[in-house]
Amino acid sequence: MLGSIVNATTILIGGALGASFGTGIKEKYKSALFNALGLACLVLGMNAVIPNMSKSEYPVLFIASLAIGGVVGTWLDFQGKIDRANARLNEKSGNEKNALQGLMTGFLLYAIGTFSIVGPVLSALSPSHGWALGESANTFLFTNATLDLVTSAVLAASYGWIMLLAAPMLFCWQSIFYSLGYFCGDGMPDPMRTELTIVGGVLILCSGLSILGIKDCKTVNLLPSLLVPILFYIIKDFIF
């Protein structure tokens, strides 16, 4: 778990720095940060989707995942709940930032990707952190931590101190995959990870479109899509 702890800590450090200095940044520079963040989301989303499409065992699974997840999320009104909570938060703080939406965007950026998913599994398979797989795990998670340090600073400069909550969220997320690796061996098969990365990449793309003001895809309503590939492979393995 050392790599996950370091990863979460760098988000706290980057977020604290960004939030501290963000209050003194002029609006035109914050706008530039938003544009940079939106473009980064588009690039990172495409980088997650495109290389993995050719590896997919079921190319239509991500479509089904988005459709099913979108219907479930819309039925449960996740986006509406976030918007209403954000409105109450803005009323109390006296600003107009979509802070909770920013928090969800940050979590997606931190959590979706090979580093954040494979790293904890490898770490559990070699808990010594010193040999063979352990070195690979640390490389994954420490590299991820370096990237997240910069990302968290930019996000917090735009959205404020709420972005620090992404650190415990990420730690819980990585703990799930650490537990899978610890109790189940290589708990997440490659095909499941591929499909999860594709769906996650699409969600990051949606966040980028929303940040840039191109299209409000109501990304929060699509979050249940991440569960569909996992459930699909669990059911598939159980039946076959």
Protein backbone atom coordinates (compact mmCIF):
# COMPACT_ATOMS: atom_id res chain seq x y z
CA MET A 1 0.00 0.00 0.00
CA LEU A 2 3.04 2.29 0.12
CA GLY A 3 2.53 3.46 -3.45
CA SER A 4 -1.15 4.24 -2.84
CA ILE A 5 -0.31 6.22 0.29
CA VAL A 6 2.29 8.23 -1.64
CA ASN A 7 -0.20 8.75 -4.48
CA ALA A 8 -2.89 10.11 -2.14
CA THR A 9 -0.33 12.29 -0.33
CA THR A 10 0.83 13.94 -3.55
CA ILE A 11 -2.80 14.83 -4.35
CA LEU A 12 -3.11 16.46 -0.93
CA ILE A 13 0.12 18.40 -1.44
CA GLY A 14 -0.69 19.45 -5.00
CA GLY A 15 -4.25 20.33 -4.04
CA ALA A 16 -3.15 22.42 -1.06
CA LEU A 17 -0.64 24.33 -3.19
CA GLY A 18 -3.15 24.91 -5.98
CA ALA A 19 -5.93 26.04 -3.62
CA SER A 20 -3.56 28.35 -1.70
CA PHE A 21 -2.26 30.15 -4.77
CA GLY A 22 -5.47 29.85 -6.80
CA THR A 23 -7.24 32.59 -4.82
CA GLY A 24 -4.73 35.13 -6.10
CA ILE A 25 -4.98 34.13 -9.76
CA LYS A 26 -6.88 36.50 -12.03
CA GLU A 27 -9.99 35.23 -13.79
CA LYS A 28 -8.39 35.33 -17.24
CA TYR A 29 -5.63 33.01 -16.02
CA LYS A 30 -8.16 30.72 -14.34
CA SER A 31 -9.98 30.59 -17.68
CA ALA A 32 -6.73 29.55 -19.31
CA LEU A 33 -6.33 26.81 -16.68
CA PHE A 34 -9.86 25.58 -17.40
CA ASN A 35 -9.10 25.42 -21.11
CA ALA A 36 -5.87 23.55 -20.45
CA LEU A 37 -7.67 21.15 -18.13
CA GLY A 38 -10.45 20.52 -20.64
CA LEU A 39 -7.98 19.83 -23.43
CA ALA A 40 -5.96 17.56 -21.13
CA CYS A 41 -9.13 15.58 -20.36
CA LEU A 42 -9.78 15.11 -24.07
CA VAL A 43 -6.23 13.91 -24.72
CA LEU A 44 -6.12 11.62 -21.69
CA GLY A 45 -9.53 10.20 -22.52
CA MET A 46 -8.54 9.42 -26.10
CA ASN A 47 -5.26 7.96 -24.87
CA ALA A 48 -7.21 5.57 -22.66
CA VAL A 49 -9.76 4.60 -25.32
CA ILE A 50 -7.89 4.33 -28.62
CA PRO A 51 -5.03 1.92 -27.66
CA ASN A 52 -7.44 -0.39 -25.84
CA MET A 53 -10.11 -0.67 -28.54
CA SER A 54 -8.00 -3.13 -30.52
CA LYS A 55 -7.52 -5.26 -27.37
CA SER A 56 -11.23 -5.47 -26.56
CA GLU A 57 -12.76 -8.96 -26.62
CA TYR A 58 -16.24 -7.47 -27.00
CA PRO A 59 -16.08 -4.16 -28.91
CA VAL A 60 -19.75 -3.44 -28.24
CA LEU A 61 -19.42 -3.90 -24.47
CA PHE A 62 -18.38 -0.31 -23.85
CA ILE A 63 -21.45 0.88 -25.81
CA ALA A 64 -23.72 -1.34 -23.75
CA SER A 65 -21.94 -0.19 -20.58
CA LEU A 66 -22.49 3.47 -21.38
CA ALA A 67 -26.11 2.88 -22.36
CA ILE A 68 -26.98 0.81 -19.29
CA GLY A 69 -24.96 2.99 -16.93
CA GLY A 70 -26.45 6.16 -18.40
CA VAL A 71 -30.01 4.90 -17.96
CA VAL A 72 -29.34 3.79 -14.37
CA GLY A 73 -27.56 7.03 -13.49
CA THR A 74 -30.33 9.13 -15.04
CA TRP A 75 -32.99 7.10 -13.22
CA LEU A 76 -31.15 7.63 -9.92
CA ASP A 77 -30.59 11.29 -10.89
CA PHE A 78 -26.93 11.40 -9.84
CA GLN A 79 -26.28 14.58 -11.82
CA GLY A 80 -29.32 16.30 -10.33
CA LYS A 81 -28.21 15.42 -6.80
CA ILE A 82 -24.72 16.76 -7.52
CA ASP A 83 -26.12 19.97 -9.05
CA ARG A 84 -28.43 20.60 -6.09
CA ALA A 85 -25.66 19.92 -3.58
CA ASN A 86 -23.36 22.18 -5.56
CA ALA A 87 -25.97 24.96 -5.56
CA ARG A 88 -26.24 24.75 -1.77
CA LEU A 89 -22.45 24.77 -1.49
CA ASN A 90 -22.22 27.83 -3.75
CA GLU A 91 -24.92 29.61 -1.74
CA LYS A 92 -22.98 29.10 1.47
CA SER A 93 -19.59 29.98 0.02
CA GLY A 94 -20.80 32.86 -2.15
CA ASN A 95 -19.14 31.68 -5.38
CA GLU A 96 -20.33 30.10 -8.61
CA LYS A 97 -17.82 27.29 -9.01
CA ASN A 98 -19.11 23.86 -9.98
CA ALA A 99 -16.89 22.42 -7.27
CA LEU A 100 -18.51 19.00 -6.90
CA GLN A 101 -18.39 18.49 -10.67
CA GLY A 102 -14.70 19.40 -10.49
CA LEU A 103 -14.20 16.84 -7.74
CA MET A 104 -15.76 14.10 -9.85
CA THR A 105 -13.63 15.13 -12.84
CA GLY A 106 -10.51 15.00 -10.68
CA PHE A 107 -11.39 11.57 -9.33
CA LEU A 108 -11.90 10.20 -12.83
CA LEU A 109 -8.54 11.62 -13.95
CA TYR A 110 -6.78 10.09 -10.94
CA ALA A 111 -8.57 6.75 -10.85
CA ILE A 112 -8.96 5.63 -14.46
CA GLY A 113 -5.88 4.28 -16.14
CA THR A 114 -3.33 1.50 -16.05
CA PHE A 115 -1.20 3.08 -13.33
CA SER A 116 -4.02 3.47 -10.83
CA ILE A 117 -5.60 0.05 -11.47
CA VAL A 118 -2.66 -2.25 -12.15
CA GLY A 119 -0.32 -0.66 -9.59
CA PRO A 120 -2.30 -1.68 -6.49
CA VAL A 121 -2.80 -5.23 -7.81
CA LEU A 122 0.93 -5.68 -8.45
CA SER A 123 1.69 -4.12 -5.08
CA ALA A 124 -0.48 -6.74 -3.36
CA LEU A 125 1.11 -9.57 -5.34
CA SER A 126 4.56 -8.49 -4.13
CA PRO A 127 4.08 -6.62 -0.85
CA SER A 128 7.83 -6.38 -0.16
CA HIS A 129 7.95 -3.42 -2.61
CA GLY A 130 11.52 -4.34 -3.28
CA TRP A 131 11.76 -7.12 -5.80
CA ALA A 132 10.31 -8.19 -9.13
CA LEU A 133 6.66 -7.21 -9.26
CA GLY A 134 7.06 -4.89 -6.29
CA GLU A 135 9.41 -2.65 -8.26
CA SER A 136 6.93 -2.58 -11.12
CA ALA A 137 4.12 -1.69 -8.74
CA ASN A 138 6.08 1.15 -7.21
CA THR A 139 7.02 2.39 -10.67
CA PHE A 140 3.35 2.45 -11.66
CA LEU A 141 2.13 4.18 -8.52
CA PHE A 142 5.04 6.60 -8.08
CA THR A 143 4.74 7.65 -11.73
CA ASN A 144 1.01 8.09 -11.21
CA ALA A 145 1.72 10.14 -8.09
CA THR A 146 3.99 12.50 -10.02
CA LEU A 147 1.33 13.08 -12.67
CA ASP A 148 -1.38 13.56 -10.05
CA LEU A 149 0.73 16.12 -8.17
CA VAL A 150 0.60 18.46 -11.16
CA THR A 151 -3.02 17.67 -12.04
CA SER A 152 -4.25 18.22 -8.48
CA ALA A 153 -2.53 21.62 -8.31
CA VAL A 154 -4.24 22.76 -11.52
CA LEU A 155 -7.63 21.42 -10.44
CA ALA A 156 -7.43 22.97 -6.97
CA ALA A 157 -6.39 26.33 -8.44
CA SER A 158 -9.65 26.22 -10.41
CA TYR A 159 -12.08 24.55 -7.98
CA GLY A 160 -10.58 25.18 -4.53
CA TRP A 161 -10.00 23.19 -1.37
CA ILE A 162 -12.75 20.65 -2.09
CA MET A 163 -10.32 18.92 -4.46
CA LEU A 164 -8.42 17.55 -1.45
CA LEU A 165 -11.31 15.12 -0.94
CA ALA A 166 -10.13 13.33 -4.08
CA ALA A 167 -7.17 11.94 -2.10
CA PRO A 168 -9.19 9.67 0.27
CA MET A 169 -11.50 8.79 -2.64
CA LEU A 170 -8.53 7.61 -4.69
CA PHE A 171 -7.05 5.72 -1.74
CA CYS A 172 -10.35 3.83 -1.27
CA TRP A 173 -10.48 3.11 -5.02
CA GLN A 174 -6.95 1.72 -5.11
CA SER A 175 -7.59 -0.24 -1.91
CA ILE A 176 -10.31 -2.17 -3.74
CA PHE A 177 -7.82 -3.36 -6.37
CA TYR A 178 -5.15 -3.98 -3.73
CA SER A 179 -7.64 -6.25 -1.93
CA LEU A 180 -8.44 -8.06 -5.18
CA GLY A 181 -4.76 -8.72 -5.74
CA TYR A 182 -4.13 -9.72 -2.13
CA PHE A 183 -7.05 -12.12 -1.69
CA CYS A 184 -7.58 -13.33 -5.26
CA GLY A 185 -4.12 -13.29 -6.77
CA ASP A 186 -4.25 -11.44 -10.07
CA GLY A 187 -7.80 -10.45 -9.20
CA MET A 188 -8.59 -8.39 -12.30
CA PRO A 189 -8.14 -10.23 -15.63
CA ASP A 190 -6.69 -8.22 -18.50
CA PRO A 191 -9.92 -8.22 -20.57
CA MET A 192 -11.90 -6.70 -17.68
CA ARG A 193 -9.25 -4.04 -17.13
CA THR A 194 -9.26 -3.22 -20.85
CA GLU A 195 -13.03 -2.71 -20.92
CA LEU A 196 -12.97 -0.69 -17.70
CA THR A 197 -10.25 1.56 -19.12
CA ILE A 198 -12.22 2.14 -22.33
CA VAL A 199 -15.36 3.14 -20.45
CA GLY A 200 -13.35 5.29 -18.05
CA GLY A 201 -11.62 6.99 -20.96
CA VAL A 202 -14.98 7.89 -22.49
CA LEU A 203 -16.06 9.42 -19.16
CA ILE A 204 -12.87 11.50 -19.03
CA LEU A 205 -13.61 12.66 -22.59
CA CYS A 206 -17.11 13.65 -21.47
CA SER A 207 -15.62 15.66 -18.61
CA GLY A 208 -13.35 17.47 -21.05
CA LEU A 209 -16.29 18.39 -23.29
CA SER A 210 -18.19 19.74 -20.28
CA ILE A 211 -15.23 21.78 -18.99
CA LEU A 212 -14.70 23.34 -22.43
CA GLY A 213 -18.41 24.16 -22.68
CA ILE A 214 -18.82 22.11 -25.86
CA LYS A 215 -21.40 19.66 -24.55
CA ASP A 216 -22.76 18.91 -21.09
CA CYS A 217 -22.72 15.13 -21.16
CA LYS A 218 -23.91 14.84 -17.53
CA THR A 219 -20.89 12.69 -16.80
CA VAL A 220 -21.99 11.89 -13.25
CA ASN A 221 -25.03 10.05 -14.61
CA LEU A 222 -22.66 7.84 -16.59
CA LEU A 223 -20.62 6.70 -13.56
CA PRO A 224 -22.59 3.43 -13.16
CA SER A 225 -21.15 2.47 -16.56
CA LEU A 226 -17.91 1.58 -14.77
CA LEU A 227 -19.68 -1.27 -12.97
CA VAL A 228 -21.07 -2.92 -16.10
CA PRO A 229 -17.79 -4.47 -17.42
CA ILE A 230 -16.98 -5.77 -13.94
CA LEU A 231 -20.41 -7.37 -13.53
CA PHE A 232 -20.28 -8.73 -17.09
CA TYR A 233 -17.01 -10.63 -16.51
CA ILE A 234 -18.07 -11.85 -13.06
CA ILE A 235 -21.30 -13.28 -14.51
CA LYS A 236 -19.47 -14.64 -17.58
CA ASP A 237 -16.91 -16.48 -15.42
CA PHE A 238 -19.63 -17.78 -13.10
CA ILE A 239 -21.76 -19.17 -15.94
CA PHE A 240 -18.98 -20.45 -18.20
